[in-house]
Amino acid sequence: MESMVELVDIVKSFKDQSAVDHISAKVRKGEFLTLLGPSGCGKTTTLRMIAGFEEPTSGEILLDGVDVSSKSPHERDVNTVFQNYALFPHMNIFNNIAFGLKIKKMNKKEIQEKVTRALSLVQLEGYEDRFPSQLSGGQKQRIAIARAIVNSPKVLLLDEPLGALDLKLRKQMQFELKHLQRKLGITFIYVTHDQEEALTMSDRIAVMNKGRIEQIGVPDEIYERPRTKFVADFIGETNIFEGRLKEKEGSKAITEIEDGQVINVVDDKEKIDEIKIGEVVVFAVRPERMKVSYEKVANRNTLKGKFKERIFVGSINKTVVLLSNGREVVINEPAVDTLGINEDIDDLYVYWDQQDGVVII
């Protein structure tokens, strides 16, 4: 598939510090790509460079095959939606949306048609004569999106646009934004620090840390097969173990963890081949892949521990088990399937299938 945006070895330095450190990535035409990471990881700086608000220290930014690295924002066929909406308070909704079209000196009939269609796409028909002060937060965000898409840009950049909304409205807007993107076929590049938001909306996710892209892939790959300890720990909950490689059997790593117990991890053979006997193996297991039992379970990875606590979180129960080496393991189970633990009998076994672990670096 053709690329709409290509970042080629991009560096952005402020004085002697690198905000973005040699990143390269391709964003496909019509794709919803999310830049995900904690505060200060470089995701917003990357977005601002694509928009033209920041110039890269080195590297190239290609838009539809054309180098736009040194072009100003108005020379790039991109629009940006900000978290703070940036609506003009003295203009009604029609004029807010039409502002860019008027700058381009379009005729009144074409402006009317484009504004009407944009309002229809964000489901706010009939709001033309209202002012921003008369709208709710969710409505303001929709108008900001309508203003951005009315110009039919090649790329729409969104910088944490749902961050100011309450949880229920934010979840609703996530689905609406994804539906809108599919309907328009415009390339979306979305910035967020919210892992659930990224997993819900994205075609692909680029996980950033300390100015670099640690992993880029489809949501289920990022979640189920994280490549690094940071990605495993940042995306959702995970249990991370360390041990030493005892043996290798094809794609299976036979590992002895800190308290002497042996764990089998099945992963890509190429990844296992890179680890030498005796070297440290770090692997992760998601809490929903683990279960608890009063007895050792045959043909499963099993660790003995003691019950510490149980936390009710709506539809799931979190069980915390303390292993003999002092590590805590969290197990997430549907509330209806949870073992009825007698807290007076605190010895438990934690178990999981060997293919549910993933080796990380």
Protein backbone atom coordinates (compact mmCIF):
# COMPACT_ATOMS: atom_id res chain seq x y z
CA MET A 1 0.00 0.00 0.00
CA GLU A 2 1.25 3.50 -0.86
CA SER A 3 2.52 5.79 1.87
CA MET A 4 0.84 9.14 2.52
CA VAL A 5 3.37 10.29 5.14
CA GLU A 6 6.95 9.09 5.45
CA LEU A 7 9.35 10.07 8.21
CA VAL A 8 12.98 9.48 7.22
CA ASP A 9 15.51 9.44 10.09
CA ILE A 10 13.89 12.42 11.84
CA VAL A 11 15.77 14.17 14.67
CA LYS A 12 14.50 17.12 16.67
CA SER A 13 16.80 18.68 19.25
CA PHE A 14 16.12 21.54 21.65
CA LYS A 15 19.52 22.94 22.72
CA ASP A 16 21.45 19.80 23.74
CA GLN A 17 18.45 17.49 24.25
CA SER A 18 16.82 15.26 21.63
CA ALA A 19 13.03 15.29 21.76
CA VAL A 20 12.87 12.98 18.73
CA ASP A 21 15.79 10.65 18.16
CA HIS A 22 16.24 9.18 14.66
CA ILE A 23 12.74 7.91 13.95
CA SER A 24 11.59 6.49 10.63
CA ALA A 25 8.06 5.37 9.80
CA LYS A 26 5.59 5.12 6.94
CA VAL A 27 1.91 6.02 7.29
CA ARG A 28 -0.26 4.42 4.63
CA LYS A 29 -2.93 6.21 2.63
CA GLY A 30 -6.28 6.07 4.39
CA GLU A 31 -4.74 4.67 7.57
CA PHE A 32 -5.54 5.54 11.19
CA LEU A 33 -2.13 5.59 12.89
CA THR A 34 -1.75 6.45 16.57
CA LEU A 35 1.41 7.79 18.20
CA LEU A 36 1.17 6.40 21.72
CA GLY A 37 3.44 7.02 24.68
CA PRO A 38 3.90 8.78 28.03
CA SER A 39 4.37 12.52 28.46
CA GLY A 40 7.71 13.69 27.10
CA CYS A 41 8.22 10.76 24.72
CA GLY A 42 8.24 12.95 21.58
CA LYS A 43 4.83 12.11 20.10
CA THR A 44 3.45 15.68 20.04
CA THR A 45 6.77 17.04 18.74
CA THR A 46 6.59 14.48 15.92
CA LEU A 47 3.03 15.57 15.10
CA ARG A 48 4.03 19.25 15.12
CA MET A 49 6.86 18.52 12.67
CA ILE A 50 4.42 16.79 10.31
CA ALA A 51 2.10 19.81 10.63
CA GLY A 52 4.95 22.26 9.96
CA PHE A 53 4.83 23.97 13.37
CA GLU A 54 8.32 22.63 14.14
CA GLU A 55 11.18 22.07 11.71
CA PRO A 56 13.24 18.88 12.10
CA THR A 57 16.87 19.29 13.11
CA SER A 58 17.67 16.64 10.51
CA GLY A 59 15.83 14.10 8.38
CA GLU A 60 13.01 14.35 5.85
CA ILE A 61 9.21 14.45 6.02
CA LEU A 62 7.49 13.30 2.84
CA LEU A 63 3.82 14.03 2.17
CA ASP A 64 2.42 11.97 -0.69
CA GLY A 65 5.97 11.54 -1.99
CA VAL A 66 6.94 15.23 -1.76
CA ASP A 67 9.52 16.51 0.74
CA VAL A 68 7.76 19.13 2.89
CA SER A 69 10.37 19.31 5.68
CA SER A 70 11.05 23.03 5.18
CA LYS A 71 7.56 24.10 4.04
CA SER A 72 5.32 26.23 6.25
CA PRO A 73 2.02 24.81 7.61
CA HIS A 74 -0.20 26.51 5.02
CA GLU A 75 1.88 24.96 2.22
CA ARG A 76 1.12 21.43 3.40
CA ASP A 77 -2.16 19.68 2.65
CA VAL A 78 -2.74 18.79 6.31
CA ASN A 79 -5.03 20.07 9.05
CA THR A 80 -4.70 19.79 12.83
CA VAL A 81 -7.27 19.28 15.58
CA PHE A 82 -6.10 20.40 19.02
CA GLN A 83 -7.26 19.41 22.50
CA ASN A 84 -8.37 22.97 23.32
CA TYR A 85 -10.62 23.19 20.19
CA ALA A 86 -9.18 26.61 19.14
CA LEU A 87 -12.59 27.87 17.93
CA PHE A 88 -13.13 31.58 17.32
CA PRO A 89 -15.49 32.72 20.11
CA HIS A 90 -16.78 35.77 18.21
CA MET A 91 -17.83 33.73 15.14
CA ASN A 92 -20.86 31.51 14.81
CA ILE A 93 -20.40 27.84 13.93
CA PHE A 94 -20.90 28.38 10.20
CA ASN A 95 -18.15 30.99 10.04
CA ASN A 96 -15.83 28.94 12.23
CA ILE A 97 -16.05 26.02 9.82
CA ALA A 98 -16.00 28.23 6.72
CA PHE A 99 -12.97 30.27 7.81
CA GLY A 100 -10.37 28.27 5.85
CA LEU A 101 -12.60 28.11 2.76
CA LYS A 102 -13.01 31.88 2.77
CA ILE A 103 -9.23 32.32 2.99
CA LYS A 104 -9.03 30.21 -0.18
CA LYS A 105 -11.61 32.57 -1.76
CA MET A 106 -14.15 29.87 -2.63
CA ASN A 107 -17.52 31.02 -3.90
CA LYS A 108 -20.46 31.25 -1.47
CA LYS A 109 -22.37 28.33 -2.95
CA GLU A 110 -19.42 25.95 -2.64
CA ILE A 111 -18.73 27.14 0.92
CA GLN A 112 -22.37 26.55 1.87
CA GLU A 113 -22.29 23.02 0.43
CA LYS A 114 -19.01 22.10 2.13
CA VAL A 115 -20.02 23.47 5.54
CA THR A 116 -23.40 21.73 5.38
CA ARG A 117 -21.73 18.41 4.52
CA ALA A 118 -19.12 18.81 7.29
CA LEU A 119 -21.86 19.47 9.87
CA SER A 120 -23.72 16.40 8.61
CA LEU A 121 -20.61 14.24 8.98
CA VAL A 122 -20.20 15.24 12.64
CA GLN A 123 -23.96 14.98 13.25
CA LEU A 124 -24.51 18.65 14.12
CA GLU A 125 -26.86 19.77 11.35
CA GLY A 126 -28.75 22.94 12.27
CA TYR A 127 -26.03 24.35 14.54
CA GLU A 128 -24.80 26.93 11.98
CA ASP A 129 -26.05 29.99 13.86
CA ARG A 130 -24.88 29.02 17.34
CA PHE A 131 -21.71 30.31 18.96
CA PRO A 132 -19.01 28.19 20.66
CA SER A 133 -20.14 29.39 24.11
CA GLN A 134 -23.53 27.75 23.48
CA LEU A 135 -22.03 24.28 22.88
CA SER A 136 -20.99 21.44 25.16
CA GLY A 137 -17.41 20.16 25.19
CA GLY A 138 -18.28 17.25 22.92
CA GLN A 139 -20.05 19.54 20.45
CA LYS A 140 -17.10 21.94 20.38
CA GLN A 141 -14.77 19.07 19.58
CA ARG A 142 -17.03 17.96 16.72
CA ILE A 143 -17.02 21.50 15.31
CA ALA A 144 -13.22 21.58 15.53
CA ILE A 145 -13.15 18.32 13.57
CA ALA A 146 -15.68 19.67 11.04
CA ARG A 147 -13.50 22.75 10.50
CA ALA A 148 -10.48 20.51 9.91
CA ILE A 149 -12.14 18.12 7.44
CA VAL A 150 -14.05 20.75 5.44
CA ASN A 151 -10.88 21.46 3.45
CA SER A 152 -10.56 17.77 2.50
CA PRO A 153 -6.91 17.55 3.63
CA LYS A 154 -4.72 14.62 2.65
CA VAL A 155 -3.83 14.11 6.32
CA LEU A 156 -5.68 15.00 9.51
CA LEU A 157 -3.49 15.39 12.60
CA LEU A 158 -5.16 15.04 16.00
CA ASP A 159 -3.30 16.04 19.17
CA GLU A 160 -5.10 14.37 22.12
CA PRO A 161 -8.42 15.83 20.90
CA LEU A 162 -10.57 13.92 23.40
CA GLY A 163 -8.46 14.59 26.49
CA ALA A 164 -10.77 17.30 27.90
CA LEU A 165 -13.95 15.19 27.65
CA ASP A 166 -15.49 13.09 30.40
CA LEU A 167 -14.99 9.32 30.23
CA LYS A 168 -18.38 8.34 28.80
CA LEU A 169 -18.32 11.04 26.10
CA ARG A 170 -14.70 10.23 25.27
CA LYS A 171 -15.56 6.58 24.63
CA GLN A 172 -18.50 7.61 22.45
CA MET A 173 -16.32 10.01 20.46
CA GLN A 174 -13.68 7.30 19.93
CA PHE A 175 -16.14 5.20 17.93
CA GLU A 176 -17.52 8.25 16.10
CA LEU A 177 -14.04 9.40 15.08
CA LYS A 178 -13.09 5.97 13.80
CA HIS A 179 -16.37 5.71 11.86
CA LEU A 180 -15.78 9.21 10.40
CA GLN A 181 -12.25 8.32 9.34
CA ARG A 182 -13.45 5.22 7.50
CA LYS A 183 -16.21 7.21 5.82
CA LEU A 184 -13.85 9.97 4.66
CA GLY A 185 -10.89 7.76 3.77
CA ILE A 186 -8.51 10.47 5.02
CA THR A 187 -5.21 9.50 6.64
CA PHE A 188 -5.44 10.18 10.39
CA ILE A 189 -2.39 10.56 12.65
CA TYR A 190 -3.56 10.62 16.24
CA VAL A 191 -1.60 11.42 19.41
CA THR A 192 -2.60 10.02 22.80
CA HIS A 193 -1.17 8.65 26.04
CA ASP A 194 -4.32 6.56 26.60
CA GLN A 195 -3.60 2.90 25.77
CA GLU A 196 -7.25 1.84 25.60
CA GLU A 197 -8.03 4.72 23.24
CA ALA A 198 -5.18 3.68 20.94
CA LEU A 199 -6.22 0.02 20.93
CA THR A 200 -9.87 0.94 20.23
CA MET A 201 -9.35 3.34 17.34
CA SER A 202 -6.16 2.52 15.47
CA ASP A 203 -5.31 0.53 12.37
CA ARG A 204 -1.72 0.59 13.64
CA ILE A 205 0.00 1.96 16.74
CA ALA A 206 3.51 3.41 17.04
CA VAL A 207 4.61 3.13 20.68
CA MET A 208 7.11 5.88 21.53
CA ASN A 209 9.55 6.12 24.43
CA LYS A 210 12.34 8.66 24.98
CA GLY A 211 12.10 10.05 21.46
CA ARG A 212 12.18 6.68 19.69
CA ILE A 213 9.61 4.31 18.23
CA GLU A 214 9.92 1.09 20.23
CA GLN A 215 7.35 -0.87 18.23
CA ILE A 216 4.88 -0.25 15.44
CA GLY A 217 2.13 -2.69 14.53
CA VAL A 218 -1.57 -3.53 14.56
CA PRO A 219 -3.28 -3.29 17.98
CA ASP A 220 -3.48 -7.02 18.71
CA GLU A 221 0.21 -7.47 17.79
CA ILE A 222 1.23 -4.60 20.07
CA TYR A 223 -0.84 -6.03 22.91
CA GLU A 224 -0.26 -9.77 22.51
CA ARG A 225 3.36 -9.77 21.21
CA PRO A 226 5.18 -6.76 22.69
CA ARG A 227 8.83 -6.65 21.66
CA THR A 228 10.28 -4.69 24.57
CA LYS A 229 9.81 -4.49 28.32
CA PHE A 230 8.58 -0.91 27.97
CA VAL A 231 5.86 -1.83 25.47
CA ALA A 232 4.76 -4.84 27.53
CA ASP A 233 4.53 -2.74 30.68
CA PHE A 234 3.01 0.39 29.09
CA ILE A 235 0.23 -1.30 27.11
CA GLY A 236 -2.26 -2.66 29.62
CA GLU A 237 -1.28 -4.76 32.62
CA THR A 238 1.35 -7.46 32.48
CA ASN A 239 3.37 -9.78 34.69
CA ILE A 240 7.09 -9.66 33.89
CA PHE A 241 9.44 -12.50 34.86
CA GLU A 242 13.18 -12.96 34.60
CA GLY A 243 15.16 -16.18 34.48
CA ARG A 244 18.10 -17.93 32.85
CA LEU A 245 17.88 -20.05 29.75
CA LYS A 246 18.52 -23.74 30.60
CA GLU A 247 17.66 -25.37 27.29
CA LYS A 248 16.20 -24.63 23.85
CA GLU A 249 13.85 -26.88 21.92
CA GLY A 250 13.03 -25.15 18.65
CA SER A 251 10.72 -22.28 19.55
CA LYS A 252 10.60 -23.27 23.24
CA ALA A 253 12.80 -21.60 25.85
CA ILE A 254 13.16 -23.69 29.03
CA THR A 255 13.87 -21.10 31.69
CA GLU A 256 14.75 -21.25 35.38
CA ILE A 257 13.35 -18.25 37.22
CA GLU A 258 14.70 -16.66 40.39
CA ASP A 259 13.28 -19.15 42.92
CA GLY A 260 14.44 -22.20 40.99
CA GLN A 261 11.15 -23.06 39.33
CA VAL A 262 11.26 -23.99 35.65
CA ILE A 263 9.04 -22.21 33.11
CA ASN A 264 8.57 -22.96 29.41
CA VAL A 265 8.08 -20.05 27.02
CA VAL A 266 7.06 -20.66 23.40
CA ASP A 267 7.78 -17.74 21.06
CA ASP A 268 9.21 -17.03 17.59
CA LYS A 269 12.11 -19.39 16.89
CA GLU A 270 14.26 -16.54 15.58
CA LYS A 271 13.85 -14.71 18.87
CA ILE A 272 14.70 -17.83 20.90
CA ASP A 273 17.74 -18.52 18.69
CA GLU A 274 19.25 -15.15 19.65
CA ILE A 275 19.44 -16.13 23.35
CA LYS A 276 22.40 -18.20 24.51
CA ILE A 277 22.25 -20.89 27.19
CA GLY A 278 22.81 -19.27 30.58
CA GLU A 279 21.71 -15.80 29.45
CA VAL A 280 18.90 -13.88 31.12
CA VAL A 281 15.45 -14.34 29.60
CA VAL A 282 12.77 -11.70 30.25
CA PHE A 283 9.21 -12.71 29.44
CA ALA A 284 5.74 -11.31 30.02
CA VAL A 285 2.36 -12.90 30.63
CA ARG A 286 -0.89 -10.92 30.53
CA PRO A 287 -3.05 -11.21 33.70
CA GLU A 288 -6.07 -12.48 31.73
CA ARG A 289 -3.96 -15.41 30.44
CA MET A 290 -3.33 -16.65 33.98
CA LYS A 291 -5.53 -18.62 36.37
CA VAL A 292 -5.36 -19.76 40.00
CA SER A 293 -5.86 -23.18 41.52
CA TYR A 294 -5.54 -24.93 44.90
CA GLU A 295 -3.51 -27.69 43.24
CA LYS A 296 -0.60 -27.89 40.81
CA VAL A 297 -1.90 -28.13 37.23
CA ALA A 298 -0.31 -30.69 34.88
CA ASN A 299 1.10 -29.64 31.48
CA ARG A 300 0.98 -25.95 32.36
CA ASN A 301 3.50 -23.44 33.63
CA THR A 302 2.74 -23.43 37.36
CA LEU A 303 4.10 -21.26 40.17
CA LYS A 304 3.34 -21.69 43.86
CA GLY A 305 2.47 -18.66 45.94
CA LYS A 306 0.32 -17.25 48.69
CA PHE A 307 -2.95 -15.38 48.38
CA LYS A 308 -2.50 -11.67 49.10
CA GLU A 309 -5.71 -9.89 48.07
CA ARG A 310 -8.62 -9.78 45.68
CA ILE A 311 -9.91 -6.61 44.05
CA PHE A 312 -13.34 -6.36 42.43
CA VAL A 313 -13.28 -4.25 39.22
CA GLY A 314 -16.73 -4.47 37.67
CA SER A 315 -16.85 -7.49 35.38
CA ILE A 316 -13.48 -8.89 36.50
CA ASN A 317 -11.75 -9.87 39.73
CA LYS A 318 -8.07 -9.14 40.21
CA THR A 319 -6.35 -11.73 42.37
CA VAL A 320 -2.90 -10.82 43.70
CA VAL A 321 -0.62 -13.75 44.56
CA LEU A 322 2.74 -13.35 46.32
CA LEU A 323 5.41 -15.74 45.00
CA SER A 324 8.16 -17.20 47.18
CA ASN A 325 10.72 -14.81 45.66
CA GLY A 326 8.67 -11.80 46.81
CA ARG A 327 7.21 -10.93 43.40
CA GLU A 328 3.53 -10.17 43.07
CA VAL A 329 1.53 -11.71 40.24
CA VAL A 330 -1.84 -10.32 39.15
CA ILE A 331 -4.49 -12.62 37.67
CA ASN A 332 -7.56 -11.13 35.95
CA GLU A 333 -10.59 -13.41 35.68
CA PRO A 334 -14.25 -12.80 34.79
CA ALA A 335 -16.11 -12.40 38.06
CA VAL A 336 -18.42 -15.34 37.22
CA ASP A 337 -15.45 -17.69 36.64
CA THR A 338 -13.36 -16.75 39.65
CA LEU A 339 -12.24 -19.45 42.07
CA GLY A 340 -14.00 -19.01 45.40
CA ILE A 341 -10.88 -18.58 47.51
CA ASN A 342 -10.95 -19.38 51.19
CA GLU A 343 -8.54 -16.82 52.57
CA ASP A 344 -7.68 -19.14 55.48
CA ILE A 345 -6.14 -21.55 52.93
CA ASP A 346 -3.68 -19.11 51.43
CA ASP A 347 -1.44 -21.46 49.38
CA LEU A 348 -2.27 -21.15 45.69
CA TYR A 349 -0.91 -22.15 42.31
CA VAL A 350 -0.76 -19.69 39.43
CA TYR A 351 -0.78 -21.36 36.00
CA TRP A 352 -0.86 -20.55 32.28
CA ASP A 353 -0.26 -22.15 28.89
CA GLN A 354 3.36 -22.01 27.73
CA GLN A 355 2.43 -20.26 24.46
CA ASP A 356 0.84 -17.40 26.42
CA GLY A 357 4.22 -16.00 27.49
CA VAL A 358 6.20 -13.69 25.20
CA VAL A 359 9.97 -13.10 25.29
CA ILE A 360 10.84 -9.40 25.45
CA ILE A 361 14.07 -7.36 25.36
